[in-house]
Amino acid sequence: MKNRIMLRLLRSSVCAALLLCGGAQAHALDKVYNAQSAFLDNGMQVVVIPNTRAPVVSHMVWYKVGAADEPQGDGVSGAAHFLEHLMFKGSKALEPGEFSKTIKRYGGNDNAFTSWDYTAFFQSVRTEYLSKVMALEAERMINLTFPASDVLSERDVIIEERRSRTDNDPQALFAEQMRAVLFSSTPYAVPIIGWHDEMPLLKTDHVQNYYKTWYTPKNAILVVSGDVTLGDVLPLAKKYYGIIPSHDVPAHVRPLTPDFAAVSDLRLASPDIRQSVFMRAWRAPGFIMNKDESYALEVLCQALSGGADTELYQELVVKQKLATDVDLSYDPDARGESSIWLTAMPAPDVSLEKLEAALDAYLANLAKRGVAGDVIDNAKTRLINQETYARDSLMGPAMVVGQGLAMGMTLDEIETRPQKIGNVSAAQVNGVLKKYLDPVQPAHTPVNGFLTSASSGGEAQ
């Protein structure tokens, strides 16, 4: 599964400081998580986020590799996600399914997820079982087995997963196709789960080679959040993970998508679609590609689409009454290019073409006049407030810190993210607005999507 948890940081005192500063540079702000970090001799990073509210821990191992690192051009896809499943199918010391059964016996829970840029495995247990969980996770880091019968049966499982989640959902299929056009000729165009026609071709060698290449301590991050300190965790990490031999891994190749002169319009009419939708996607840099623009894009999208009282909703839904809902979002979590997505549902008797024209007119006008300074300040405050409570949860800090480190951020960048958001200027926000969203001359040509029911003839139902 793919988990997209919002980065939530910061305490209320920091929020107050940023408000008083009006978005200016804040001084002497505390770090959000006060995470403690060290490296084992084999290169594995160990990060501990103390939280003494309850005698429990979240133990996560993040691998700095995902679906975008699969070999290209060999006619198969989905090896990264397939390997995630096979990690639960046994090792030299564990029978198939024994890993999760053992975690449940400890009274805990476990799961995993795969993205284009990282893969993570996690367990939540009482603190007293931390060493046992480490022993289990270290075992499958080095001693995973690939019995032929389990490979074939689990391949059937992921094919069925794709069928139920994507192939039987016209809107999911359509979004997959939009992404394939948006990121044409790059690994980000390939769905994480794999293409329908290529998944049945997955064999043991594909996942085994991927495992041997990327699953090594030097490419892994251990994150433990809960009732422990680095002094508690580090000896255990050395005992279980530190003895595993490590090796170098290949570079992460993230080619840029070629720019095309024409806007791509994709259309799908299906009787299974009950609500017409207009979608537009633009390519934009992920955080690692351009940190300053990434912060500004987050603030921009929050300013325009951070709730029913924000400008985009008020303009299209409340004033013009052309839409029943509209949303603009940007995802910074990528090593390479990322994307901005706009979705809008037309009001009754409003065609998707009319809604598209209204959106274009609005964005063109906005690019000329710019987003007002007070709107930008309010957006920054909302972004910071959204992150206020994550520090008090158990899994939240481990998710945020692990995800950031796995895609290439530094621990300092994660800890000081609220200050960076607070320092985004109006000029930066309006700069990325004009550069990426202005329909007159955007930096990258967008992809438009028109979803209608088969009988609607392009009109909203």
Foldseek 3Di string as FASTA:
>chain_A
DDDDDFAFWAAVVVLVQLVVVLLAFGPPDFFTQPWDWDAFPQQFIEIEREDAPAQKKKKKKKFQAAQLPADPDPLAGQLRVLLQVLLQCDFPVGHRNRLQVVLVVQVKGWHWDGDHGMIMIMIMHGNVCVLVNLQSVLRSLATRDDPQVVSLVSLVVLLVVCCVPAVVDVVNVQVLCQQLVQQPPGSSNADNNGDNVRSVVDGPVSNVVVSVQGSFSSRMYIYMYYNDHCVVVVVSCCVRRVVTHGDDHDDRDTDGGDFDDDAAEAEDAAQVDQFKKKKKKFKDWACQVPVLLNLLVQLLQLLQAVDCPHDVNCVCCVPVNQFVDKHWDWHRQALGITMIMIMTTTDAPHFPVNVVVVLLVVLQVCLVVADDSVSSSVSLSVSNVSNNCLSNDRVSVRVQQSSQVSRPHDNVCSRCVSSSSSNRGSVSNSVQSNAAPNPVDHVGRMYMYIYHHNPQPRGTD
